[in-house]
Amino acid sequence: MKRKKNDQRREKRVAAALPLDLGGAAGVARDVSASGMFFETNASYAIGSPISFALDLETPWGTVMFKCQGKIVRLESRDQRVGVAVQFTDSALDPGKRL
């Protein structure tokens, strides 16, 4: 993914199209880094709000669930959806569970 000149990210991002379980809503991760993620959803959020979510990740050893807590740092309008940028505050891999 090409970086913009004013891009202040500390971590490299990886483009994705991963379904997310947001508890009472669903979303799709569009890019992920070691410190955060950007996803799209129909749900409403506020900047600064905490968020918890999970997604399945395919590995050479099988599917693992990535459970994460974070803080919403940016919102973007995208047609009928909203783009949400999250800074991770805590995360864990659970190899025994799937969404």
PDB file of N, CA and C in Angstrom:
ATOM      1  N   MET A   1       0.844  -1.160   0.000  1.00  0.00           N
ATOM      2  CA  MET A   1       0.000   0.000   0.000  1.00  0.00           C
ATOM      3  C   MET A   1       0.896   1.232   0.000  1.00  0.00           C
ATOM      4  N   LYS A   2       0.659   2.142  -0.896  1.00  0.00           N
ATOM      5  CA  LYS A   2       1.477   3.336  -1.048  1.00  0.00           C
ATOM      6  C   LYS A   2       1.161   4.346   0.054  1.00  0.00           C
ATOM      7  N   ARG A   3       2.181   4.950   0.627  1.00  0.00           N
ATOM      8  CA  ARG A   3       1.985   5.933   1.686  1.00  0.00           C
ATOM      9  C   ARG A   3       1.877   7.334   1.123  1.00  0.00           C
ATOM     10  N   LYS A   4       1.005   8.136   1.725  1.00  0.00           N
ATOM     11  CA  LYS A   4       0.894   9.547   1.362  1.00  0.00           C
ATOM     12  C   LYS A   4       2.045  10.298   2.012  1.00  0.00           C
ATOM     13  N   LYS A   5       2.389  11.475   1.463  1.00  0.00           N
ATOM     14  CA  LYS A   5       3.496  12.256   2.018  1.00  0.00           C
ATOM     15  C   LYS A   5       3.267  12.638   3.473  1.00  0.00           C
ATOM     16  N   ASN A   6       2.015  12.937   3.853  1.00  0.00           N
ATOM     17  CA  ASN A   6       1.734  13.365   5.221  1.00  0.00           C
ATOM     18  C   ASN A   6       1.346  12.195   6.120  1.00  0.00           C
ATOM     19  N   ASP A   7       1.555  10.973   5.688  1.00  0.00           N
ATOM     20  CA  ASP A   7       1.202   9.786   6.455  1.00  0.00           C
ATOM     21  C   ASP A   7       2.122   9.675   7.670  1.00  0.00           C
ATOM     22  N   GLN A   8       1.540   9.699   8.863  1.00  0.00           N
ATOM     23  CA  GLN A   8       2.315   9.670  10.104  1.00  0.00           C
ATOM     24  C   GLN A   8       2.308   8.292  10.772  1.00  0.00           C
ATOM     25  N   ARG A   9       1.861   7.263  10.090  1.00  0.00           N
ATOM     26  CA  ARG A   9       1.760   5.941  10.699  1.00  0.00           C
ATOM     27  C   ARG A   9       3.140   5.405  11.062  1.00  0.00           C
ATOM     28  N   ARG A  10       3.188   4.722  12.214  1.00  0.00           N
ATOM     29  CA  ARG A  10       4.436   4.116  12.669  1.00  0.00           C
ATOM     30  C   ARG A  10       4.618   2.712  12.113  1.00  0.00           C
ATOM     31  N   GLU A  11       3.509   2.054  11.790  1.00  0.00           N
ATOM     32  CA  GLU A  11       3.540   0.659  11.364  1.00  0.00           C
ATOM     33  C   GLU A  11       3.105   0.521   9.907  1.00  0.00           C
ATOM     34  N   LYS A  12       3.632  -0.474   9.229  1.00  0.00           N
ATOM     35  CA  LYS A  12       3.218  -0.769   7.861  1.00  0.00           C
ATOM     36  C   LYS A  12       1.808  -1.363   7.876  1.00  0.00           C
ATOM     37  N   ARG A  13       0.970  -0.935   6.923  1.00  0.00           N
ATOM     38  CA  ARG A  13      -0.390  -1.458   6.813  1.00  0.00           C
ATOM     39  C   ARG A  13      -0.443  -2.558   5.760  1.00  0.00           C
ATOM     40  N   VAL A  14      -1.372  -3.483   5.963  1.00  0.00           N
ATOM     41  CA  VAL A  14      -1.621  -4.555   5.013  1.00  0.00           C
ATOM     42  C   VAL A  14      -3.079  -4.454   4.579  1.00  0.00           C
ATOM     43  N   ALA A  15      -3.314  -4.383   3.267  1.00  0.00           N
ATOM     44  CA  ALA A  15      -4.686  -4.331   2.751  1.00  0.00           C
ATOM     45  C   ALA A  15      -5.395  -5.635   3.088  1.00  0.00           C
ATOM     46  N   ALA A  16      -6.699  -5.534   3.384  1.00  0.00           N
ATOM     47  CA  ALA A  16      -7.460  -6.711   3.797  1.00  0.00           C
ATOM     48  C   ALA A  16      -8.914  -6.586   3.362  1.00  0.00           C
ATOM     49  N   ALA A  17      -9.627  -7.677   3.457  1.00  0.00           N
ATOM     50  CA  ALA A  17     -11.082  -7.719   3.286  1.00  0.00           C
ATOM     51  C   ALA A  17     -11.579  -8.814   4.221  1.00  0.00           C
ATOM     52  N   LEU A  18     -11.461  -8.555   5.533  1.00  0.00           N
ATOM     53  CA  LEU A  18     -11.760  -9.555   6.551  1.00  0.00           C
ATOM     54  C   LEU A  18     -13.054  -9.217   7.279  1.00  0.00           C
ATOM     55  N   PRO A  19     -13.997 -10.167   7.389  1.00  0.00           N
ATOM     56  CA  PRO A  19     -15.223  -9.899   8.138  1.00  0.00           C
ATOM     57  C   PRO A  19     -14.929  -9.750   9.629  1.00  0.00           C
ATOM     58  N   LEU A  20     -15.605  -8.782  10.264  1.00  0.00           N
ATOM     59  CA  LEU A  20     -15.434  -8.500  11.691  1.00  0.00           C
ATOM     60  C   LEU A  20     -16.714  -8.779  12.445  1.00  0.00           C
ATOM     61  N   ASP A  21     -16.587  -9.288  13.660  1.00  0.00           N
ATOM     62  CA  ASP A  21     -17.700  -9.399  14.594  1.00  0.00           C
ATOM     63  C   ASP A  21     -17.554  -8.251  15.582  1.00  0.00           C
ATOM     64  N   LEU A  22     -18.477  -7.272  15.502  1.00  0.00           N
ATOM     65  CA  LEU A  22     -18.429  -6.088  16.360  1.00  0.00           C
ATOM     66  C   LEU A  22     -19.411  -6.197  17.526  1.00  0.00           C
ATOM     67  N   GLY A  23     -19.791  -7.401  17.881  1.00  0.00           N
ATOM     68  CA  GLY A  23     -20.785  -7.577  18.931  1.00  0.00           C
ATOM     69  C   GLY A  23     -22.178  -7.521  18.336  1.00  0.00           C
ATOM     70  N   GLY A  24     -22.816  -6.366  18.386  1.00  0.00           N
ATOM     71  CA  GLY A  24     -24.158  -6.206  17.837  1.00  0.00           C
ATOM     72  C   GLY A  24     -24.177  -5.803  16.379  1.00  0.00           C
ATOM     73  N   ALA A  25     -23.045  -5.712  15.734  1.00  0.00           N
ATOM     74  CA  ALA A  25     -22.963  -5.281  14.333  1.00  0.00           C
ATOM     75  C   ALA A  25     -21.860  -6.071  13.634  1.00  0.00           C
ATOM     76  N   ALA A  26     -21.776  -5.874  12.329  1.00  0.00           N
ATOM     77  CA  ALA A  26     -20.728  -6.518  11.532  1.00  0.00           C
ATOM     78  C   ALA A  26     -19.968  -5.453  10.765  1.00  0.00           C
ATOM     79  N   GLY A  27     -18.777  -5.783  10.353  1.00  0.00           N
ATOM     80  CA  GLY A  27     -17.967  -4.864   9.568  1.00  0.00           C
ATOM     81  C   GLY A  27     -16.984  -5.633   8.714  1.00  0.00           C
ATOM     82  N   VAL A  28     -16.212  -4.895   7.917  1.00  0.00           N
ATOM     83  CA  VAL A  28     -15.178  -5.493   7.075  1.00  0.00           C
ATOM     84  C   VAL A  28     -13.893  -4.698   7.265  1.00  0.00           C
ATOM     85  N   ALA A  29     -12.840  -5.384   7.729  1.00  0.00           N
ATOM     86  CA  ALA A  29     -11.531  -4.744   7.875  1.00  0.00           C
ATOM     87  C   ALA A  29     -10.971  -4.460   6.496  1.00  0.00           C
ATOM     88  N   ARG A  30     -10.486  -3.241   6.271  1.00  0.00           N
ATOM     89  CA  ARG A  30      -9.912  -2.849   4.980  1.00  0.00           C
ATOM     90  C   ARG A  30      -8.395  -2.787   5.014  1.00  0.00           C
ATOM     91  N   ASP A  31      -7.814  -2.436   6.158  1.00  0.00           N
ATOM     92  CA  ASP A  31      -6.368  -2.541   6.328  1.00  0.00           C
ATOM     93  C   ASP A  31      -6.047  -2.714   7.797  1.00  0.00           C
ATOM     94  N   VAL A  32      -4.926  -3.401   8.037  1.00  0.00           N
ATOM     95  CA  VAL A  32      -4.528  -3.766   9.392  1.00  0.00           C
ATOM     96  C   VAL A  32      -3.035  -3.513   9.538  1.00  0.00           C
ATOM     97  N   SER A  33      -2.634  -3.021  10.721  1.00  0.00           N
ATOM     98  CA  SER A  33      -1.215  -2.890  11.057  1.00  0.00           C
ATOM     99  C   SER A  33      -1.021  -3.456  12.456  1.00  0.00           C
ATOM    100  N   ALA A  34       0.200  -3.433  12.952  1.00  0.00           N
ATOM    101  CA  ALA A  34       0.479  -3.929  14.295  1.00  0.00           C
ATOM    102  C   ALA A  34      -0.159  -3.054  15.369  1.00  0.00           C
ATOM    103  N   SER A  35      -0.457  -1.786  15.058  1.00  0.00           N
ATOM    104  CA  SER A  35      -0.984  -0.879  16.078  1.00  0.00           C
ATOM    105  C   SER A  35      -2.429  -0.452  15.857  1.00  0.00           C
ATOM    106  N   GLY A  36      -3.036  -0.855  14.729  1.00  0.00           N
ATOM    107  CA  GLY A  36      -4.408  -0.432  14.494  1.00  0.00           C
ATOM    108  C   GLY A  36      -5.015  -1.048  13.255  1.00  0.00           C
ATOM    109  N   MET A  37      -6.242  -0.599  12.966  1.00  0.00           N
ATOM    110  CA  MET A  37      -6.990  -1.166  11.858  1.00  0.00           C
ATOM    111  C   MET A  37      -8.001  -0.142  11.360  1.00  0.00           C
ATOM    112  N   PHE A  38      -8.349  -0.247  10.082  1.00  0.00           N
ATOM    113  CA  PHE A  38      -9.420   0.562   9.506  1.00  0.00           C
ATOM    114  C   PHE A  38     -10.471  -0.399   8.987  1.00  0.00           C
ATOM    115  N   PHE A  39     -11.744  -0.181   9.368  1.00  0.00           N
ATOM    116  CA  PHE A  39     -12.814  -1.043   8.893  1.00  0.00           C
ATOM    117  C   PHE A  39     -14.024  -0.224   8.488  1.00  0.00           C
ATOM    118  N   GLU A  40     -14.932  -0.863   7.737  1.00  0.00           N
ATOM    119  CA  GLU A  40     -16.183  -0.243   7.315  1.00  0.00           C
ATOM    120  C   GLU A  40     -17.345  -0.992   7.944  1.00  0.00           C
ATOM    121  N   THR A  41     -18.398  -0.246   8.309  1.00  0.00           N
ATOM    122  CA  THR A  41     -19.568  -0.828   8.949  1.00  0.00           C
ATOM    123  C   THR A  41     -20.777   0.065   8.731  1.00  0.00           C
ATOM    124  N   ASN A  42     -21.958  -0.435   9.073  1.00  0.00           N
ATOM    125  CA  ASN A  42     -23.178   0.369   9.072  1.00  0.00           C
ATOM    126  C   ASN A  42     -23.473   0.917  10.464  1.00  0.00           C
ATOM    127  N   ALA A  43     -22.736   0.475  11.472  1.00  0.00           N
ATOM    128  CA  ALA A  43     -22.970   0.887  12.858  1.00  0.00           C
ATOM    129  C   ALA A  43     -22.465   2.309  13.100  1.00  0.00           C
ATOM    130  N   SER A  44     -22.973   2.941  14.155  1.00  0.00           N
ATOM    131  CA  SER A  44     -22.563   4.303  14.522  1.00  0.00           C
ATOM    132  C   SER A  44     -21.561   4.262  15.667  1.00  0.00           C
ATOM    133  N   TYR A  45     -20.528   5.091  15.562  1.00  0.00           N
ATOM    134  CA  TYR A  45     -19.500   5.186  16.592  1.00  0.00           C
ATOM    135  C   TYR A  45     -19.119   6.643  16.790  1.00  0.00           C
ATOM    136  N   ALA A  46     -18.422   6.920  17.891  1.00  0.00           N
ATOM    137  CA  ALA A  46     -17.938   8.268  18.185  1.00  0.00           C
ATOM    138  C   ALA A  46     -16.430   8.214  18.399  1.00  0.00           C
ATOM    139  N   ILE A  47     -15.734   9.244  17.937  1.00  0.00           N
ATOM    140  CA  ILE A  47     -14.287   9.336  18.139  1.00  0.00           C
ATOM    141  C   ILE A  47     -13.994   9.346  19.638  1.00  0.00           C
ATOM    142  N   GLY A  48     -12.988   8.574  20.035  1.00  0.00           N
ATOM    143  CA  GLY A  48     -12.598   8.465  21.433  1.00  0.00           C
ATOM    144  C   GLY A  48     -13.276   7.323  22.169  1.00  0.00           C
ATOM    145  N   SER A  49     -14.303   6.720  21.561  1.00  0.00           N
ATOM    146  CA  SER A  49     -15.031   5.623  22.206  1.00  0.00           C
ATOM    147  C   SER A  49     -14.207   4.344  22.210  1.00  0.00           C
ATOM    148  N   PRO A  50     -14.359   3.530  23.264  1.00  0.00           N
ATOM    149  CA  PRO A  50     -13.723   2.211  23.254  1.00  0.00           C
ATOM    150  C   PRO A  50     -14.516   1.268  22.353  1.00  0.00           C
ATOM    151  N   ILE A  51     -13.845   0.250  21.832  1.00  0.00           N
ATOM    152  CA  ILE A  51     -14.498  -0.727  20.964  1.00  0.00           C
ATOM    153  C   ILE A  51     -13.849  -2.087  21.180  1.00  0.00           C
ATOM    154  N   SER A  52     -14.663  -3.140  21.108  1.00  0.00           N
ATOM    155  CA  SER A  52     -14.182  -4.524  21.164  1.00  0.00           C
ATOM    156  C   SER A  52     -14.683  -5.240  19.926  1.00  0.00           C
ATOM    157  N   PHE A  53     -13.861  -6.107  19.365  1.00  0.00           N
ATOM    158  CA  PHE A  53     -14.265  -6.850  18.179  1.00  0.00           C
ATOM    159  C   PHE A  53     -13.412  -8.102  18.049  1.00  0.00           C
ATOM    160  N   ALA A  54     -13.807  -8.961  17.112  1.00  0.00           N
ATOM    161  CA  ALA A  54     -13.062 -10.187  16.847  1.00  0.00           C
ATOM    162  C   ALA A  54     -13.095 -10.470  15.352  1.00  0.00           C
ATOM    163  N   LEU A  55     -12.051 -11.122  14.864  1.00  0.00           N
ATOM    164  CA  LEU A  55     -12.030 -11.577  13.481  1.00  0.00           C
ATOM    165  C   LEU A  55     -11.240 -12.867  13.386  1.00  0.00           C
ATOM    166  N   ASP A  56     -11.601 -13.692  12.409  1.00  0.00           N
ATOM    167  CA  ASP A  56     -10.882 -14.939  12.157  1.00  0.00           C
ATOM    168  C   ASP A  56      -9.707 -14.665  11.233  1.00  0.00           C
ATOM    169  N   LEU A  57      -8.554 -15.224  11.586  1.00  0.00           N
ATOM    170  CA  LEU A  57      -7.352 -15.108  10.763  1.00  0.00           C
ATOM    171  C   LEU A  57      -6.915 -16.500  10.332  1.00  0.00           C
ATOM    172  N   GLU A  58      -6.660 -16.656   9.045  1.00  0.00           N
ATOM    173  CA  GLU A  58      -6.154 -17.931   8.527  1.00  0.00           C
ATOM    174  C   GLU A  58      -4.640 -17.964   8.713  1.00  0.00           C
ATOM    175  N   THR A  59      -4.148 -19.058   9.281  1.00  0.00           N
ATOM    176  CA  THR A  59      -2.711 -19.263   9.457  1.00  0.00           C
ATOM    177  C   THR A  59      -2.349 -20.617   8.847  1.00  0.00           C
ATOM    178  N   PRO A  60      -1.066 -20.898   8.680  1.00  0.00           N
ATOM    179  CA  PRO A  60      -0.677 -22.223   8.179  1.00  0.00           C
ATOM    180  C   PRO A  60      -1.121 -23.361   9.106  1.00  0.00           C
ATOM    181  N   TRP A  61      -1.441 -23.058  10.361  1.00  0.00           N
ATOM    182  CA  TRP A  61      -1.831 -24.062  11.349  1.00  0.00           C
ATOM    183  C   TRP A  61      -3.337 -24.112  11.561  1.00  0.00           C
ATOM    184  N   GLY A  62      -4.078 -23.335  10.792  1.00  0.00           N
ATOM    185  CA  GLY A  62      -5.532 -23.303  10.933  1.00  0.00           C
ATOM    186  C   GLY A  62      -6.024 -21.903  11.251  1.00  0.00           C
ATOM    187  N   THR A  63      -7.314 -21.804  11.461  1.00  0.00           N
ATOM    188  CA  THR A  63      -7.935 -20.511  11.736  1.00  0.00           C
ATOM    189  C   THR A  63      -7.843 -20.183  13.221  1.00  0.00           C
ATOM    190  N   VAL A  64      -7.469 -18.953  13.533  1.00  0.00           N
ATOM    191  CA  VAL A  64      -7.443 -18.478  14.916  1.00  0.00           C
ATOM    192  C   VAL A  64      -8.297 -17.214  15.015  1.00  0.00           C
ATOM    193  N   MET A  65      -8.898 -17.014  16.190  1.00  0.00           N
ATOM    194  CA  MET A  65      -9.691 -15.813  16.413  1.00  0.00           C
ATOM    195  C   MET A  65      -8.802 -14.737  17.035  1.00  0.00           C
ATOM    196  N   PHE A  66      -8.810 -13.556  16.433  1.00  0.00           N
ATOM    197  CA  PHE A  66      -8.084 -12.394  16.939  1.00  0.00           C
ATOM    198  C   PHE A  66      -9.097 -11.536  17.683  1.00  0.00           C
ATOM    199  N   LYS A  67      -8.948 -11.446  19.003  1.00  0.00           N
ATOM    200  CA  LYS A  67      -9.836 -10.631  19.837  1.00  0.00           C
ATOM    201  C   LYS A  67      -9.107  -9.339  20.162  1.00  0.00           C
ATOM    202  N   CYS A  68      -9.803  -8.230  20.053  1.00  0.00           N
ATOM    203  CA  CYS A  68      -9.129  -6.948  20.203  1.00  0.00           C
ATOM    204  C   CYS A  68      -9.994  -5.923  20.912  1.00  0.00           C
ATOM    205  N   GLN A  69      -9.339  -5.068  21.676  1.00  0.00           N
ATOM    206  CA  GLN A  69      -9.952  -3.867  22.229  1.00  0.00           C
ATOM    207  C   GLN A  69      -9.165  -2.694  21.667  1.00  0.00           C
ATOM    208  N   GLY A  70      -9.857  -1.586  21.474  1.00  0.00           N
ATOM    209  CA  GLY A  70      -9.193  -0.415  20.935  1.00  0.00           C
ATOM    210  C   GLY A  70      -9.953   0.852  21.219  1.00  0.00           C
ATOM    211  N   LYS A  71      -9.427   1.937  20.651  1.00  0.00           N
ATOM    212  CA  LYS A  71     -10.040   3.259  20.778  1.00  0.00           C
ATOM    213  C   LYS A  71     -10.244   3.804  19.376  1.00  0.00           C
ATOM    214  N   ILE A  72     -11.435   4.351  19.118  1.00  0.00           N
ATOM    215  CA  ILE A  72     -11.737   4.921  17.809  1.00  0.00           C
ATOM    216  C   ILE A  72     -11.035   6.266  17.689  1.00  0.00           C
ATOM    217  N   VAL A  73     -10.210   6.406  16.646  1.00  0.00           N
ATOM    218  CA  VAL A  73      -9.416   7.626  16.476  1.00  0.00           C
ATOM    219  C   VAL A  73      -9.825   8.461  15.269  1.00  0.00           C
ATOM    220  N   ARG A  74     -10.614   7.866  14.339  1.00  0.00           N
ATOM    221  CA  ARG A  74     -11.055   8.623  13.165  1.00  0.00           C
ATOM    222  C   ARG A  74     -12.296   7.970  12.578  1.00  0.00           C
ATOM    223  N   LEU A  75     -13.194   8.807  12.025  1.00  0.00           N
ATOM    224  CA  LEU A  75     -14.383   8.331  11.318  1.00  0.00           C
ATOM    225  C   LEU A  75     -14.430   8.978   9.945  1.00  0.00           C
ATOM    226  N   GLU A  76     -14.866   8.226   8.928  1.00  0.00           N
ATOM    227  CA  GLU A  76     -15.002   8.743   7.562  1.00  0.00           C
ATOM    228  C   GLU A  76     -16.336   8.289   6.992  1.00  0.00           C
ATOM    229  N   SER A  77     -17.085   9.206   6.367  1.00  0.00           N
ATOM    230  CA  SER A  77     -18.319   8.830   5.671  1.00  0.00           C
ATOM    231  C   SER A  77     -17.953   8.133   4.376  1.00  0.00           C
ATOM    232  N   ARG A  78     -18.620   7.011   4.089  1.00  0.00           N
ATOM    233  CA  ARG A  78     -18.360   6.233   2.872  1.00  0.00           C
ATOM    234  C   ARG A  78     -19.684   5.698   2.352  1.00  0.00           C
ATOM    235  N   ASP A  79     -20.345   6.470   1.475  1.00  0.00           N
ATOM    236  CA  ASP A  79     -21.649   6.092   0.927  1.00  0.00           C
ATOM    237  C   ASP A  79     -22.617   5.786   2.078  1.00  0.00           C
ATOM    238  N   GLN A  80     -23.183   4.581   2.123  1.00  0.00           N
ATOM    239  CA  GLN A  80     -24.108   4.200   3.192  1.00  0.00           C
ATOM    240  C   GLN A  80     -23.377   3.616   4.399  1.00  0.00           C
ATOM    241  N   ARG A  81     -22.075   3.593   4.367  1.00  0.00           N
ATOM    242  CA  ARG A  81     -21.302   2.994   5.459  1.00  0.00           C
ATOM    243  C   ARG A  81     -20.425   4.060   6.111  1.00  0.00           C
ATOM    244  N   VAL A  82     -19.795   3.686   7.212  1.00  0.00           N
ATOM    245  CA  VAL A  82     -18.842   4.578   7.867  1.00  0.00           C
ATOM    246  C   VAL A  82     -17.503   3.848   7.961  1.00  0.00           C
ATOM    247  N   GLY A  83     -16.413   4.571   7.707  1.00  0.00           N
ATOM    248  CA  GLY A  83     -15.073   4.039   7.885  1.00  0.00           C
ATOM    249  C   GLY A  83     -14.596   4.386   9.284  1.00  0.00           C
ATOM    250  N   VAL A  84     -14.040   3.408   9.984  1.00  0.00           N
ATOM    251  CA  VAL A  84     -13.643   3.574  11.379  1.00  0.00           C
ATOM    252  C   VAL A  84     -12.170   3.196  11.533  1.00  0.00           C
ATOM    253  N   ALA A  85     -11.361   4.133  12.036  1.00  0.00           N
ATOM    254  CA  ALA A  85      -9.953   3.860  12.335  1.00  0.00           C
ATOM    255  C   ALA A  85      -9.826   3.587  13.827  1.00  0.00           C
ATOM    256  N   VAL A  86      -9.195   2.469  14.162  1.00  0.00           N
ATOM    257  CA  VAL A  86      -9.060   2.031  15.552  1.00  0.00           C
ATOM    258  C   VAL A  86      -7.584   1.897  15.906  1.00  0.00           C
ATOM    259  N   GLN A  87      -7.222   2.422  17.068  1.00  0.00           N
ATOM    260  CA  GLN A  87      -5.892   2.198  17.636  1.00  0.00           C
ATOM    261  C   GLN A  87      -6.034   1.070  18.652  1.00  0.00           C
ATOM    262  N   PHE A  88      -5.267  -0.016  18.494  1.00  0.00           N
ATOM    263  CA  PHE A  88      -5.358  -1.146  19.408  1.00  0.00           C
ATOM    264  C   PHE A  88      -4.864  -0.756  20.799  1.00  0.00           C
ATOM    265  N   THR A  89      -5.598  -1.210  21.833  1.00  0.00           N
ATOM    266  CA  THR A  89      -5.154  -1.036  23.214  1.00  0.00           C
ATOM    267  C   THR A  89      -4.837  -2.382  23.861  1.00  0.00           C
ATOM    268  N   ASP A  90      -5.442  -3.465  23.342  1.00  0.00           N
ATOM    269  CA  ASP A  90      -5.179  -4.814  23.846  1.00  0.00           C
ATOM    270  C   ASP A  90      -5.636  -5.810  22.788  1.00  0.00           C
ATOM    271  N   SER A  91      -4.947  -6.940  22.698  1.00  0.00           N
ATOM    272  CA  SER A  91      -5.352  -7.957  21.728  1.00  0.00           C
ATOM    273  C   SER A  91      -4.832  -9.320  22.166  1.00  0.00           C
ATOM    274  N   ALA A  92      -5.494 -10.365  21.643  1.00  0.00           N
ATOM    275  CA  ALA A  92      -5.086 -11.733  21.947  1.00  0.00           C
ATOM    276  C   ALA A  92      -5.523 -12.651  20.820  1.00  0.00           C
ATOM    277  N   LEU A  93      -4.740 -13.690  20.578  1.00  0.00           N
ATOM    278  CA  LEU A  93      -5.108 -14.730  19.622  1.00  0.00           C
ATOM    279  C   LEU A  93      -5.681 -15.907  20.389  1.00  0.00           C
ATOM    280  N   ASP A  94      -6.799 -16.447  19.915  1.00  0.00           N
ATOM    281  CA  ASP A  94      -7.435 -17.604  20.539  1.00  0.00           C
ATOM    282  C   ASP A  94      -7.525 -18.712  19.496  1.00  0.00           C
ATOM    283  N   PRO A  95      -6.570 -19.667  19.501  1.00  0.00           N
ATOM    284  CA  PRO A  95      -6.549 -20.692  18.461  1.00  0.00           C
ATOM    285  C   PRO A  95      -7.698 -21.689  18.559  1.00  0.00           C
ATOM    286  N   GLY A  96      -8.418 -21.722  19.662  1.00  0.00           N
ATOM    287  CA  GLY A  96      -9.476 -22.713  19.833  1.00  0.00           C
ATOM    288  C   GLY A  96     -10.850 -22.255  19.417  1.00  0.00           C
ATOM    289  N   LYS A  97     -11.011 -21.024  18.979  1.00  0.00           N
ATOM    290  CA  LYS A  97     -12.346 -20.509  18.678  1.00  0.00           C
ATOM    291  C   LYS A  97     -12.412 -19.938  17.278  1.00  0.00           C
ATOM    292  N   ARG A  98     -13.641 -19.946  16.738  1.00  0.00           N
ATOM    293  CA  ARG A  98     -13.920 -19.327  15.443  1.00  0.00           C
ATOM    294  C   ARG A  98     -15.198 -18.536  15.574  1.00  0.00           C
ATOM    295  N   LEU A  99     -15.349 -17.536  14.710  1.00  0.00           N
ATOM    296  CA  LEU A  99     -16.580 -16.739  14.704  1.00  0.00           C
ATOM    297  C   LEU A  99     -17.732 -17.561  14.194  1.00  0.00           C
TER     298      LEU A  99
END
